[in-house]
PDBML (XML) file of the C-alpha atoms, coordinates in Angstrom:
<?xml version="1.0" encoding="UTF-8" ?>
<PDBx:datablock datablockName="MODEL"
   xmlns:PDBx="http://pdbml.pdb.org/schema/pdbx-v50.xsd"
   xmlns:xsi="http://www.w3.org/2001/XMLSchema-instance"
   xsi:schemaLocation="http://pdbml.pdb.org/schema/pdbx-v50.xsd pdbx-v50.xsd">
   <PDBx:atom_siteCategory>
      <PDBx:atom_site id="1">
         <PDBx:B_iso_or_equiv>0.00</PDBx:B_iso_or_equiv>
         <PDBx:Cartn_x>115.759</PDBx:Cartn_x>
         <PDBx:Cartn_y>154.636</PDBx:Cartn_y>
         <PDBx:Cartn_z>42.598</PDBx:Cartn_z>
         <PDBx:auth_asym_id>A</PDBx:auth_asym_id>
         <PDBx:auth_atom_id>CA</PDBx:auth_atom_id>
         <PDBx:auth_comp_id>THR</PDBx:auth_comp_id>
         <PDBx:auth_seq_id>1</PDBx:auth_seq_id>
         <PDBx:group_PDB>ATOM</PDBx:group_PDB>
         <PDBx:label_alt_id xsi:nil="true" />
         <PDBx:label_asym_id>A</PDBx:label_asym_id>
         <PDBx:label_atom_id>CA</PDBx:label_atom_id>
         <PDBx:label_comp_id>THR</PDBx:label_comp_id>
         <PDBx:label_entity_id>1</PDBx:label_entity_id>
         <PDBx:label_seq_id>1</PDBx:label_seq_id>
         <PDBx:occupancy>1.00</PDBx:occupancy>
         <PDBx:pdbx_PDB_model_num>1</PDBx:pdbx_PDB_model_num>
         <PDBx:type_symbol>C</PDBx:type_symbol>
      </PDBx:atom_site>
      <PDBx:atom_site id="2">
         <PDBx:B_iso_or_equiv>0.00</PDBx:B_iso_or_equiv>
         <PDBx:Cartn_x>118.820</PDBx:Cartn_x>
         <PDBx:Cartn_y>153.564</PDBx:Cartn_y>
         <PDBx:Cartn_z>44.593</PDBx:Cartn_z>
         <PDBx:auth_asym_id>A</PDBx:auth_asym_id>
         <PDBx:auth_atom_id>CA</PDBx:auth_atom_id>
         <PDBx:auth_comp_id>ASN</PDBx:auth_comp_id>
         <PDBx:auth_seq_id>2</PDBx:auth_seq_id>
         <PDBx:group_PDB>ATOM</PDBx:group_PDB>
         <PDBx:label_alt_id xsi:nil="true" />
         <PDBx:label_asym_id>A</PDBx:label_asym_id>
         <PDBx:label_atom_id>CA</PDBx:label_atom_id>
         <PDBx:label_comp_id>ASN</PDBx:label_comp_id>
         <PDBx:label_entity_id>1</PDBx:label_entity_id>
         <PDBx:label_seq_id>2</PDBx:label_seq_id>
         <PDBx:occupancy>1.00</PDBx:occupancy>
         <PDBx:pdbx_PDB_model_num>1</PDBx:pdbx_PDB_model_num>
         <PDBx:type_symbol>C</PDBx:type_symbol>
      </PDBx:atom_site>
      <PDBx:atom_site id="3">
         <PDBx:B_iso_or_equiv>0.00</PDBx:B_iso_or_equiv>
         <PDBx:Cartn_x>118.653</PDBx:Cartn_x>
         <PDBx:Cartn_y>150.173</PDBx:Cartn_y>
         <PDBx:Cartn_z>46.386</PDBx:Cartn_z>
         <PDBx:auth_asym_id>A</PDBx:auth_asym_id>
         <PDBx:auth_atom_id>CA</PDBx:auth_atom_id>
         <PDBx:auth_comp_id>PRO</PDBx:auth_comp_id>
         <PDBx:auth_seq_id>3</PDBx:auth_seq_id>
         <PDBx:group_PDB>ATOM</PDBx:group_PDB>
         <PDBx:label_alt_id xsi:nil="true" />
         <PDBx:label_asym_id>A</PDBx:label_asym_id>
         <PDBx:label_atom_id>CA</PDBx:label_atom_id>
         <PDBx:label_comp_id>PRO</PDBx:label_comp_id>
         <PDBx:label_entity_id>1</PDBx:label_entity_id>
         <PDBx:label_seq_id>3</PDBx:label_seq_id>
         <PDBx:occupancy>1.00</PDBx:occupancy>
         <PDBx:pdbx_PDB_model_num>1</PDBx:pdbx_PDB_model_num>
         <PDBx:type_symbol>C</PDBx:type_symbol>
      </PDBx:atom_site>
      <PDBx:atom_site id="4">
         <PDBx:B_iso_or_equiv>0.00</PDBx:B_iso_or_equiv>
         <PDBx:Cartn_x>122.257</PDBx:Cartn_x>
         <PDBx:Cartn_y>150.596</PDBx:Cartn_y>
         <PDBx:Cartn_z>47.608</PDBx:Cartn_z>
         <PDBx:auth_asym_id>A</PDBx:auth_asym_id>
         <PDBx:auth_atom_id>CA</PDBx:auth_atom_id>
         <PDBx:auth_comp_id>ASP</PDBx:auth_comp_id>
         <PDBx:auth_seq_id>4</PDBx:auth_seq_id>
         <PDBx:group_PDB>ATOM</PDBx:group_PDB>
         <PDBx:label_alt_id xsi:nil="true" />
         <PDBx:label_asym_id>A</PDBx:label_asym_id>
         <PDBx:label_atom_id>CA</PDBx:label_atom_id>
         <PDBx:label_comp_id>ASP</PDBx:label_comp_id>
         <PDBx:label_entity_id>1</PDBx:label_entity_id>
         <PDBx:label_seq_id>4</PDBx:label_seq_id>
         <PDBx:occupancy>1.00</PDBx:occupancy>
         <PDBx:pdbx_PDB_model_num>1</PDBx:pdbx_PDB_model_num>
         <PDBx:type_symbol>C</PDBx:type_symbol>
      </PDBx:atom_site>
      <PDBx:atom_site id="5">
         <PDBx:B_iso_or_equiv>0.00</PDBx:B_iso_or_equiv>
         <PDBx:Cartn_x>121.006</PDBx:Cartn_x>
         <PDBx:Cartn_y>153.102</PDBx:Cartn_y>
         <PDBx:Cartn_z>50.204</PDBx:Cartn_z>
         <PDBx:auth_asym_id>A</PDBx:auth_asym_id>
         <PDBx:auth_atom_id>CA</PDBx:auth_atom_id>
         <PDBx:auth_comp_id>GLU</PDBx:auth_comp_id>
         <PDBx:auth_seq_id>5</PDBx:auth_seq_id>
         <PDBx:group_PDB>ATOM</PDBx:group_PDB>
         <PDBx:label_alt_id xsi:nil="true" />
         <PDBx:label_asym_id>A</PDBx:label_asym_id>
         <PDBx:label_atom_id>CA</PDBx:label_atom_id>
         <PDBx:label_comp_id>GLU</PDBx:label_comp_id>
         <PDBx:label_entity_id>1</PDBx:label_entity_id>
         <PDBx:label_seq_id>5</PDBx:label_seq_id>
         <PDBx:occupancy>1.00</PDBx:occupancy>
         <PDBx:pdbx_PDB_model_num>1</PDBx:pdbx_PDB_model_num>
         <PDBx:type_symbol>C</PDBx:type_symbol>
      </PDBx:atom_site>
      <PDBx:atom_site id="6">
         <PDBx:B_iso_or_equiv>0.00</PDBx:B_iso_or_equiv>
         <PDBx:Cartn_x>118.555</PDBx:Cartn_x>
         <PDBx:Cartn_y>150.634</PDBx:Cartn_y>
         <PDBx:Cartn_z>51.749</PDBx:Cartn_z>
         <PDBx:auth_asym_id>A</PDBx:auth_asym_id>
         <PDBx:auth_atom_id>CA</PDBx:auth_atom_id>
         <PDBx:auth_comp_id>LEU</PDBx:auth_comp_id>
         <PDBx:auth_seq_id>6</PDBx:auth_seq_id>
         <PDBx:group_PDB>ATOM</PDBx:group_PDB>
         <PDBx:label_alt_id xsi:nil="true" />
         <PDBx:label_asym_id>A</PDBx:label_asym_id>
         <PDBx:label_atom_id>CA</PDBx:label_atom_id>
         <PDBx:label_comp_id>LEU</PDBx:label_comp_id>
         <PDBx:label_entity_id>1</PDBx:label_entity_id>
         <PDBx:label_seq_id>6</PDBx:label_seq_id>
         <PDBx:occupancy>1.00</PDBx:occupancy>
         <PDBx:pdbx_PDB_model_num>1</PDBx:pdbx_PDB_model_num>
         <PDBx:type_symbol>C</PDBx:type_symbol>
      </PDBx:atom_site>
      <PDBx:atom_site id="7">
         <PDBx:B_iso_or_equiv>0.00</PDBx:B_iso_or_equiv>
         <PDBx:Cartn_x>121.167</PDBx:Cartn_x>
         <PDBx:Cartn_y>149.392</PDBx:Cartn_y>
         <PDBx:Cartn_z>54.236</PDBx:Cartn_z>
         <PDBx:auth_asym_id>A</PDBx:auth_asym_id>
         <PDBx:auth_atom_id>CA</PDBx:auth_atom_id>
         <PDBx:auth_comp_id>GLY</PDBx:auth_comp_id>
         <PDBx:auth_seq_id>7</PDBx:auth_seq_id>
         <PDBx:group_PDB>ATOM</PDBx:group_PDB>
         <PDBx:label_alt_id xsi:nil="true" />
         <PDBx:label_asym_id>A</PDBx:label_asym_id>
         <PDBx:label_atom_id>CA</PDBx:label_atom_id>
         <PDBx:label_comp_id>GLY</PDBx:label_comp_id>
         <PDBx:label_entity_id>1</PDBx:label_entity_id>
         <PDBx:label_seq_id>7</PDBx:label_seq_id>
         <PDBx:occupancy>1.00</PDBx:occupancy>
         <PDBx:pdbx_PDB_model_num>1</PDBx:pdbx_PDB_model_num>
         <PDBx:type_symbol>C</PDBx:type_symbol>
      </PDBx:atom_site>
      <PDBx:atom_site id="8">
         <PDBx:B_iso_or_equiv>0.00</PDBx:B_iso_or_equiv>
         <PDBx:Cartn_x>121.604</PDBx:Cartn_x>
         <PDBx:Cartn_y>152.859</PDBx:Cartn_y>
         <PDBx:Cartn_z>55.711</PDBx:Cartn_z>
         <PDBx:auth_asym_id>A</PDBx:auth_asym_id>
         <PDBx:auth_atom_id>CA</PDBx:auth_atom_id>
         <PDBx:auth_comp_id>THR</PDBx:auth_comp_id>
         <PDBx:auth_seq_id>8</PDBx:auth_seq_id>
         <PDBx:group_PDB>ATOM</PDBx:group_PDB>
         <PDBx:label_alt_id xsi:nil="true" />
         <PDBx:label_asym_id>A</PDBx:label_asym_id>
         <PDBx:label_atom_id>CA</PDBx:label_atom_id>
         <PDBx:label_comp_id>THR</PDBx:label_comp_id>
         <PDBx:label_entity_id>1</PDBx:label_entity_id>
         <PDBx:label_seq_id>8</PDBx:label_seq_id>
         <PDBx:occupancy>1.00</PDBx:occupancy>
         <PDBx:pdbx_PDB_model_num>1</PDBx:pdbx_PDB_model_num>
         <PDBx:type_symbol>C</PDBx:type_symbol>
      </PDBx:atom_site>
      <PDBx:atom_site id="9">
         <PDBx:B_iso_or_equiv>0.00</PDBx:B_iso_or_equiv>
         <PDBx:Cartn_x>117.852</PDBx:Cartn_x>
         <PDBx:Cartn_y>153.356</PDBx:Cartn_y>
         <PDBx:Cartn_z>55.899</PDBx:Cartn_z>
         <PDBx:auth_asym_id>A</PDBx:auth_asym_id>
         <PDBx:auth_atom_id>CA</PDBx:auth_atom_id>
         <PDBx:auth_comp_id>LEU</PDBx:auth_comp_id>
         <PDBx:auth_seq_id>9</PDBx:auth_seq_id>
         <PDBx:group_PDB>ATOM</PDBx:group_PDB>
         <PDBx:label_alt_id xsi:nil="true" />
         <PDBx:label_asym_id>A</PDBx:label_asym_id>
         <PDBx:label_atom_id>CA</PDBx:label_atom_id>
         <PDBx:label_comp_id>LEU</PDBx:label_comp_id>
         <PDBx:label_entity_id>1</PDBx:label_entity_id>
         <PDBx:label_seq_id>9</PDBx:label_seq_id>
         <PDBx:occupancy>1.00</PDBx:occupancy>
         <PDBx:pdbx_PDB_model_num>1</PDBx:pdbx_PDB_model_num>
         <PDBx:type_symbol>C</PDBx:type_symbol>
      </PDBx:atom_site>
      <PDBx:atom_site id="10">
         <PDBx:B_iso_or_equiv>0.00</PDBx:B_iso_or_equiv>
         <PDBx:Cartn_x>117.380</PDBx:Cartn_x>
         <PDBx:Cartn_y>149.906</PDBx:Cartn_y>
         <PDBx:Cartn_z>57.470</PDBx:Cartn_z>
         <PDBx:auth_asym_id>A</PDBx:auth_asym_id>
         <PDBx:auth_atom_id>CA</PDBx:auth_atom_id>
         <PDBx:auth_comp_id>ALA</PDBx:auth_comp_id>
         <PDBx:auth_seq_id>10</PDBx:auth_seq_id>
         <PDBx:group_PDB>ATOM</PDBx:group_PDB>
         <PDBx:label_alt_id xsi:nil="true" />
         <PDBx:label_asym_id>A</PDBx:label_asym_id>
         <PDBx:label_atom_id>CA</PDBx:label_atom_id>
         <PDBx:label_comp_id>ALA</PDBx:label_comp_id>
         <PDBx:label_entity_id>1</PDBx:label_entity_id>
         <PDBx:label_seq_id>10</PDBx:label_seq_id>
         <PDBx:occupancy>1.00</PDBx:occupancy>
         <PDBx:pdbx_PDB_model_num>1</PDBx:pdbx_PDB_model_num>
         <PDBx:type_symbol>C</PDBx:type_symbol>
      </PDBx:atom_site>
      <PDBx:atom_site id="11">
         <PDBx:B_iso_or_equiv>0.00</PDBx:B_iso_or_equiv>
         <PDBx:Cartn_x>119.936</PDBx:Cartn_x>
         <PDBx:Cartn_y>150.868</PDBx:Cartn_y>
         <PDBx:Cartn_z>60.107</PDBx:Cartn_z>
         <PDBx:auth_asym_id>A</PDBx:auth_asym_id>
         <PDBx:auth_atom_id>CA</PDBx:auth_atom_id>
         <PDBx:auth_comp_id>ASN</PDBx:auth_comp_id>
         <PDBx:auth_seq_id>11</PDBx:auth_seq_id>
         <PDBx:group_PDB>ATOM</PDBx:group_PDB>
         <PDBx:label_alt_id xsi:nil="true" />
         <PDBx:label_asym_id>A</PDBx:label_asym_id>
         <PDBx:label_atom_id>CA</PDBx:label_atom_id>
         <PDBx:label_comp_id>ASN</PDBx:label_comp_id>
         <PDBx:label_entity_id>1</PDBx:label_entity_id>
         <PDBx:label_seq_id>11</PDBx:label_seq_id>
         <PDBx:occupancy>1.00</PDBx:occupancy>
         <PDBx:pdbx_PDB_model_num>1</PDBx:pdbx_PDB_model_num>
         <PDBx:type_symbol>C</PDBx:type_symbol>
      </PDBx:atom_site>
      <PDBx:atom_site id="12">
         <PDBx:B_iso_or_equiv>0.00</PDBx:B_iso_or_equiv>
         <PDBx:Cartn_x>118.078</PDBx:Cartn_x>
         <PDBx:Cartn_y>154.134</PDBx:Cartn_y>
         <PDBx:Cartn_z>60.730</PDBx:Cartn_z>
         <PDBx:auth_asym_id>A</PDBx:auth_asym_id>
         <PDBx:auth_atom_id>CA</PDBx:auth_atom_id>
         <PDBx:auth_comp_id>GLN</PDBx:auth_comp_id>
         <PDBx:auth_seq_id>12</PDBx:auth_seq_id>
         <PDBx:group_PDB>ATOM</PDBx:group_PDB>
         <PDBx:label_alt_id xsi:nil="true" />
         <PDBx:label_asym_id>A</PDBx:label_asym_id>
         <PDBx:label_atom_id>CA</PDBx:label_atom_id>
         <PDBx:label_comp_id>GLN</PDBx:label_comp_id>
         <PDBx:label_entity_id>1</PDBx:label_entity_id>
         <PDBx:label_seq_id>12</PDBx:label_seq_id>
         <PDBx:occupancy>1.00</PDBx:occupancy>
         <PDBx:pdbx_PDB_model_num>1</PDBx:pdbx_PDB_model_num>
         <PDBx:type_symbol>C</PDBx:type_symbol>
      </PDBx:atom_site>
      <PDBx:atom_site id="13">
         <PDBx:B_iso_or_equiv>0.00</PDBx:B_iso_or_equiv>
         <PDBx:Cartn_x>114.800</PDBx:Cartn_x>
         <PDBx:Cartn_y>152.228</PDBx:Cartn_y>
         <PDBx:Cartn_z>61.029</PDBx:Cartn_z>
         <PDBx:auth_asym_id>A</PDBx:auth_asym_id>
         <PDBx:auth_atom_id>CA</PDBx:auth_atom_id>
         <PDBx:auth_comp_id>LEU</PDBx:auth_comp_id>
         <PDBx:auth_seq_id>13</PDBx:auth_seq_id>
         <PDBx:group_PDB>ATOM</PDBx:group_PDB>
         <PDBx:label_alt_id xsi:nil="true" />
         <PDBx:label_asym_id>A</PDBx:label_asym_id>
         <PDBx:label_atom_id>CA</PDBx:label_atom_id>
         <PDBx:label_comp_id>LEU</PDBx:label_comp_id>
         <PDBx:label_entity_id>1</PDBx:label_entity_id>
         <PDBx:label_seq_id>13</PDBx:label_seq_id>
         <PDBx:occupancy>1.00</PDBx:occupancy>
         <PDBx:pdbx_PDB_model_num>1</PDBx:pdbx_PDB_model_num>
         <PDBx:type_symbol>C</PDBx:type_symbol>
      </PDBx:atom_site>
      <PDBx:atom_site id="14">
         <PDBx:B_iso_or_equiv>0.00</PDBx:B_iso_or_equiv>
         <PDBx:Cartn_x>116.362</PDBx:Cartn_x>
         <PDBx:Cartn_y>149.829</PDBx:Cartn_y>
         <PDBx:Cartn_z>63.528</PDBx:Cartn_z>
         <PDBx:auth_asym_id>A</PDBx:auth_asym_id>
         <PDBx:auth_atom_id>CA</PDBx:auth_atom_id>
         <PDBx:auth_comp_id>THR</PDBx:auth_comp_id>
         <PDBx:auth_seq_id>14</PDBx:auth_seq_id>
         <PDBx:group_PDB>ATOM</PDBx:group_PDB>
         <PDBx:label_alt_id xsi:nil="true" />
         <PDBx:label_asym_id>A</PDBx:label_asym_id>
         <PDBx:label_atom_id>CA</PDBx:label_atom_id>
         <PDBx:label_comp_id>THR</PDBx:label_comp_id>
         <PDBx:label_entity_id>1</PDBx:label_entity_id>
         <PDBx:label_seq_id>14</PDBx:label_seq_id>
         <PDBx:occupancy>1.00</PDBx:occupancy>
         <PDBx:pdbx_PDB_model_num>1</PDBx:pdbx_PDB_model_num>
         <PDBx:type_symbol>C</PDBx:type_symbol>
      </PDBx:atom_site>
      <PDBx:atom_site id="15">
         <PDBx:B_iso_or_equiv>0.00</PDBx:B_iso_or_equiv>
         <PDBx:Cartn_x>117.742</PDBx:Cartn_x>
         <PDBx:Cartn_y>152.682</PDBx:Cartn_y>
         <PDBx:Cartn_z>65.641</PDBx:Cartn_z>
         <PDBx:auth_asym_id>A</PDBx:auth_asym_id>
         <PDBx:auth_atom_id>CA</PDBx:auth_atom_id>
         <PDBx:auth_comp_id>ASN</PDBx:auth_comp_id>
         <PDBx:auth_seq_id>15</PDBx:auth_seq_id>
         <PDBx:group_PDB>ATOM</PDBx:group_PDB>
         <PDBx:label_alt_id xsi:nil="true" />
         <PDBx:label_asym_id>A</PDBx:label_asym_id>
         <PDBx:label_atom_id>CA</PDBx:label_atom_id>
         <PDBx:label_comp_id>ASN</PDBx:label_comp_id>
         <PDBx:label_entity_id>1</PDBx:label_entity_id>
         <PDBx:label_seq_id>15</PDBx:label_seq_id>
         <PDBx:occupancy>1.00</PDBx:occupancy>
         <PDBx:pdbx_PDB_model_num>1</PDBx:pdbx_PDB_model_num>
         <PDBx:type_symbol>C</PDBx:type_symbol>
      </PDBx:atom_site>
      <PDBx:atom_site id="16">
         <PDBx:B_iso_or_equiv>0.00</PDBx:B_iso_or_equiv>
         <PDBx:Cartn_x>114.428</PDBx:Cartn_x>
         <PDBx:Cartn_y>154.567</PDBx:Cartn_y>
         <PDBx:Cartn_z>65.583</PDBx:Cartn_z>
         <PDBx:auth_asym_id>A</PDBx:auth_asym_id>
         <PDBx:auth_atom_id>CA</PDBx:auth_atom_id>
         <PDBx:auth_comp_id>ASP</PDBx:auth_comp_id>
         <PDBx:auth_seq_id>16</PDBx:auth_seq_id>
         <PDBx:group_PDB>ATOM</PDBx:group_PDB>
         <PDBx:label_alt_id xsi:nil="true" />
         <PDBx:label_asym_id>A</PDBx:label_asym_id>
         <PDBx:label_atom_id>CA</PDBx:label_atom_id>
         <PDBx:label_comp_id>ASP</PDBx:label_comp_id>
         <PDBx:label_entity_id>1</PDBx:label_entity_id>
         <PDBx:label_seq_id>16</PDBx:label_seq_id>
         <PDBx:occupancy>1.00</PDBx:occupancy>
         <PDBx:pdbx_PDB_model_num>1</PDBx:pdbx_PDB_model_num>
         <PDBx:type_symbol>C</PDBx:type_symbol>
      </PDBx:atom_site>
      <PDBx:atom_site id="17">
         <PDBx:B_iso_or_equiv>0.00</PDBx:B_iso_or_equiv>
         <PDBx:Cartn_x>112.510</PDBx:Cartn_x>
         <PDBx:Cartn_y>151.448</PDBx:Cartn_y>
         <PDBx:Cartn_z>66.580</PDBx:Cartn_z>
         <PDBx:auth_asym_id>A</PDBx:auth_asym_id>
         <PDBx:auth_atom_id>CA</PDBx:auth_atom_id>
         <PDBx:auth_comp_id>TYR</PDBx:auth_comp_id>
         <PDBx:auth_seq_id>17</PDBx:auth_seq_id>
         <PDBx:group_PDB>ATOM</PDBx:group_PDB>
         <PDBx:label_alt_id xsi:nil="true" />
         <PDBx:label_asym_id>A</PDBx:label_asym_id>
         <PDBx:label_atom_id>CA</PDBx:label_atom_id>
         <PDBx:label_comp_id>TYR</PDBx:label_comp_id>
         <PDBx:label_entity_id>1</PDBx:label_entity_id>
         <PDBx:label_seq_id>17</PDBx:label_seq_id>
         <PDBx:occupancy>1.00</PDBx:occupancy>
         <PDBx:pdbx_PDB_model_num>1</PDBx:pdbx_PDB_model_num>
         <PDBx:type_symbol>C</PDBx:type_symbol>
      </PDBx:atom_site>
      <PDBx:atom_site id="18">
         <PDBx:B_iso_or_equiv>0.00</PDBx:B_iso_or_equiv>
         <PDBx:Cartn_x>114.953</PDBx:Cartn_x>
         <PDBx:Cartn_y>150.810</PDBx:Cartn_y>
         <PDBx:Cartn_z>69.440</PDBx:Cartn_z>
         <PDBx:auth_asym_id>A</PDBx:auth_asym_id>
         <PDBx:auth_atom_id>CA</PDBx:auth_atom_id>
         <PDBx:auth_comp_id>GLY</PDBx:auth_comp_id>
         <PDBx:auth_seq_id>18</PDBx:auth_seq_id>
         <PDBx:group_PDB>ATOM</PDBx:group_PDB>
         <PDBx:label_alt_id xsi:nil="true" />
         <PDBx:label_asym_id>A</PDBx:label_asym_id>
         <PDBx:label_atom_id>CA</PDBx:label_atom_id>
         <PDBx:label_comp_id>GLY</PDBx:label_comp_id>
         <PDBx:label_entity_id>1</PDBx:label_entity_id>
         <PDBx:label_seq_id>18</PDBx:label_seq_id>
         <PDBx:occupancy>1.00</PDBx:occupancy>
         <PDBx:pdbx_PDB_model_num>1</PDBx:pdbx_PDB_model_num>
         <PDBx:type_symbol>C</PDBx:type_symbol>
      </PDBx:atom_site>
      <PDBx:atom_site id="19">
         <PDBx:B_iso_or_equiv>0.00</PDBx:B_iso_or_equiv>
         <PDBx:Cartn_x>114.361</PDBx:Cartn_x>
         <PDBx:Cartn_y>154.322</PDBx:Cartn_y>
         <PDBx:Cartn_z>70.709</PDBx:Cartn_z>
         <PDBx:auth_asym_id>A</PDBx:auth_asym_id>
         <PDBx:auth_atom_id>CA</PDBx:auth_atom_id>
         <PDBx:auth_comp_id>GLN</PDBx:auth_comp_id>
         <PDBx:auth_seq_id>19</PDBx:auth_seq_id>
         <PDBx:group_PDB>ATOM</PDBx:group_PDB>
         <PDBx:label_alt_id xsi:nil="true" />
         <PDBx:label_asym_id>A</PDBx:label_asym_id>
         <PDBx:label_atom_id>CA</PDBx:label_atom_id>
         <PDBx:label_comp_id>GLN</PDBx:label_comp_id>
         <PDBx:label_entity_id>1</PDBx:label_entity_id>
         <PDBx:label_seq_id>19</PDBx:label_seq_id>
         <PDBx:occupancy>1.00</PDBx:occupancy>
         <PDBx:pdbx_PDB_model_num>1</PDBx:pdbx_PDB_model_num>
         <PDBx:type_symbol>C</PDBx:type_symbol>
      </PDBx:atom_site>
      <PDBx:atom_site id="20">
         <PDBx:B_iso_or_equiv>0.00</PDBx:B_iso_or_equiv>
         <PDBx:Cartn_x>110.580</PDBx:Cartn_x>
         <PDBx:Cartn_y>153.904</PDBx:Cartn_y>
         <PDBx:Cartn_z>70.342</PDBx:Cartn_z>
         <PDBx:auth_asym_id>A</PDBx:auth_asym_id>
         <PDBx:auth_atom_id>CA</PDBx:auth_atom_id>
         <PDBx:auth_comp_id>LEU</PDBx:auth_comp_id>
         <PDBx:auth_seq_id>20</PDBx:auth_seq_id>
         <PDBx:group_PDB>ATOM</PDBx:group_PDB>
         <PDBx:label_alt_id xsi:nil="true" />
         <PDBx:label_asym_id>A</PDBx:label_asym_id>
         <PDBx:label_atom_id>CA</PDBx:label_atom_id>
         <PDBx:label_comp_id>LEU</PDBx:label_comp_id>
         <PDBx:label_entity_id>1</PDBx:label_entity_id>
         <PDBx:label_seq_id>20</PDBx:label_seq_id>
         <PDBx:occupancy>1.00</PDBx:occupancy>
         <PDBx:pdbx_PDB_model_num>1</PDBx:pdbx_PDB_model_num>
         <PDBx:type_symbol>C</PDBx:type_symbol>
      </PDBx:atom_site>
      <PDBx:atom_site id="21">
         <PDBx:B_iso_or_equiv>0.00</PDBx:B_iso_or_equiv>
         <PDBx:Cartn_x>110.682</PDBx:Cartn_x>
         <PDBx:Cartn_y>150.653</PDBx:Cartn_y>
         <PDBx:Cartn_z>72.307</PDBx:Cartn_z>
         <PDBx:auth_asym_id>A</PDBx:auth_asym_id>
         <PDBx:auth_atom_id>CA</PDBx:auth_atom_id>
         <PDBx:auth_comp_id>ALA</PDBx:auth_comp_id>
         <PDBx:auth_seq_id>21</PDBx:auth_seq_id>
         <PDBx:group_PDB>ATOM</PDBx:group_PDB>
         <PDBx:label_alt_id xsi:nil="true" />
         <PDBx:label_asym_id>A</PDBx:label_asym_id>
         <PDBx:label_atom_id>CA</PDBx:label_atom_id>
         <PDBx:label_comp_id>ALA</PDBx:label_comp_id>
         <PDBx:label_entity_id>1</PDBx:label_entity_id>
         <PDBx:label_seq_id>21</PDBx:label_seq_id>
         <PDBx:occupancy>1.00</PDBx:occupancy>
         <PDBx:pdbx_PDB_model_num>1</PDBx:pdbx_PDB_model_num>
         <PDBx:type_symbol>C</PDBx:type_symbol>
      </PDBx:atom_site>
      <PDBx:atom_site id="22">
         <PDBx:B_iso_or_equiv>0.00</PDBx:B_iso_or_equiv>
         <PDBx:Cartn_x>112.586</PDBx:Cartn_x>
         <PDBx:Cartn_y>152.399</PDBx:Cartn_y>
         <PDBx:Cartn_z>75.121</PDBx:Cartn_z>
         <PDBx:auth_asym_id>A</PDBx:auth_asym_id>
         <PDBx:auth_atom_id>CA</PDBx:auth_atom_id>
         <PDBx:auth_comp_id>GLN</PDBx:auth_comp_id>
         <PDBx:auth_seq_id>22</PDBx:auth_seq_id>
         <PDBx:group_PDB>ATOM</PDBx:group_PDB>
         <PDBx:label_alt_id xsi:nil="true" />
         <PDBx:label_asym_id>A</PDBx:label_asym_id>
         <PDBx:label_atom_id>CA</PDBx:label_atom_id>
         <PDBx:label_comp_id>GLN</PDBx:label_comp_id>
         <PDBx:label_entity_id>1</PDBx:label_entity_id>
         <PDBx:label_seq_id>22</PDBx:label_seq_id>
         <PDBx:occupancy>1.00</PDBx:occupancy>
         <PDBx:pdbx_PDB_model_num>1</PDBx:pdbx_PDB_model_num>
         <PDBx:type_symbol>C</PDBx:type_symbol>
      </PDBx:atom_site>
      <PDBx:atom_site id="23">
         <PDBx:B_iso_or_equiv>0.00</PDBx:B_iso_or_equiv>
         <PDBx:Cartn_x>110.103</PDBx:Cartn_x>
         <PDBx:Cartn_y>155.272</PDBx:Cartn_y>
         <PDBx:Cartn_z>75.129</PDBx:Cartn_z>
         <PDBx:auth_asym_id>A</PDBx:auth_asym_id>
         <PDBx:auth_atom_id>CA</PDBx:auth_atom_id>
         <PDBx:auth_comp_id>GLU</PDBx:auth_comp_id>
         <PDBx:auth_seq_id>23</PDBx:auth_seq_id>
         <PDBx:group_PDB>ATOM</PDBx:group_PDB>
         <PDBx:label_alt_id xsi:nil="true" />
         <PDBx:label_asym_id>A</PDBx:label_asym_id>
         <PDBx:label_atom_id>CA</PDBx:label_atom_id>
         <PDBx:label_comp_id>GLU</PDBx:label_comp_id>
         <PDBx:label_entity_id>1</PDBx:label_entity_id>
         <PDBx:label_seq_id>23</PDBx:label_seq_id>
         <PDBx:occupancy>1.00</PDBx:occupancy>
         <PDBx:pdbx_PDB_model_num>1</PDBx:pdbx_PDB_model_num>
         <PDBx:type_symbol>C</PDBx:type_symbol>
      </PDBx:atom_site>
      <PDBx:atom_site id="24">
         <PDBx:B_iso_or_equiv>0.00</PDBx:B_iso_or_equiv>
         <PDBx:Cartn_x>107.146</PDBx:Cartn_x>
         <PDBx:Cartn_y>152.866</PDBx:Cartn_y>
         <PDBx:Cartn_z>75.144</PDBx:Cartn_z>
         <PDBx:auth_asym_id>A</PDBx:auth_asym_id>
         <PDBx:auth_atom_id>CA</PDBx:auth_atom_id>
         <PDBx:auth_comp_id>ALA</PDBx:auth_comp_id>
         <PDBx:auth_seq_id>24</PDBx:auth_seq_id>
         <PDBx:group_PDB>ATOM</PDBx:group_PDB>
         <PDBx:label_alt_id xsi:nil="true" />
         <PDBx:label_asym_id>A</PDBx:label_asym_id>
         <PDBx:label_atom_id>CA</PDBx:label_atom_id>
         <PDBx:label_comp_id>ALA</PDBx:label_comp_id>
         <PDBx:label_entity_id>1</PDBx:label_entity_id>
         <PDBx:label_seq_id>24</PDBx:label_seq_id>
         <PDBx:occupancy>1.00</PDBx:occupancy>
         <PDBx:pdbx_PDB_model_num>1</PDBx:pdbx_PDB_model_num>
         <PDBx:type_symbol>C</PDBx:type_symbol>
      </PDBx:atom_site>
      <PDBx:atom_site id="25">
         <PDBx:B_iso_or_equiv>0.00</PDBx:B_iso_or_equiv>
         <PDBx:Cartn_x>108.027</PDBx:Cartn_x>
         <PDBx:Cartn_y>151.402</PDBx:Cartn_y>
         <PDBx:Cartn_z>78.534</PDBx:Cartn_z>
         <PDBx:auth_asym_id>A</PDBx:auth_asym_id>
         <PDBx:auth_atom_id>CA</PDBx:auth_atom_id>
         <PDBx:auth_comp_id>LYS</PDBx:auth_comp_id>
         <PDBx:auth_seq_id>25</PDBx:auth_seq_id>
         <PDBx:group_PDB>ATOM</PDBx:group_PDB>
         <PDBx:label_alt_id xsi:nil="true" />
         <PDBx:label_asym_id>A</PDBx:label_asym_id>
         <PDBx:label_atom_id>CA</PDBx:label_atom_id>
         <PDBx:label_comp_id>LYS</PDBx:label_comp_id>
         <PDBx:label_entity_id>1</PDBx:label_entity_id>
         <PDBx:label_seq_id>25</PDBx:label_seq_id>
         <PDBx:occupancy>1.00</PDBx:occupancy>
         <PDBx:pdbx_PDB_model_num>1</PDBx:pdbx_PDB_model_num>
         <PDBx:type_symbol>C</PDBx:type_symbol>
      </PDBx:atom_site>
   </PDBx:atom_siteCategory>
</PDBx:datablock>
């Protein structure tokens, strides 16, 4: 629908994964 927004979502995914990795320890 709107590939231009993928960058923002990719950034969100990266931030969420970073938080998950910290919580996993």
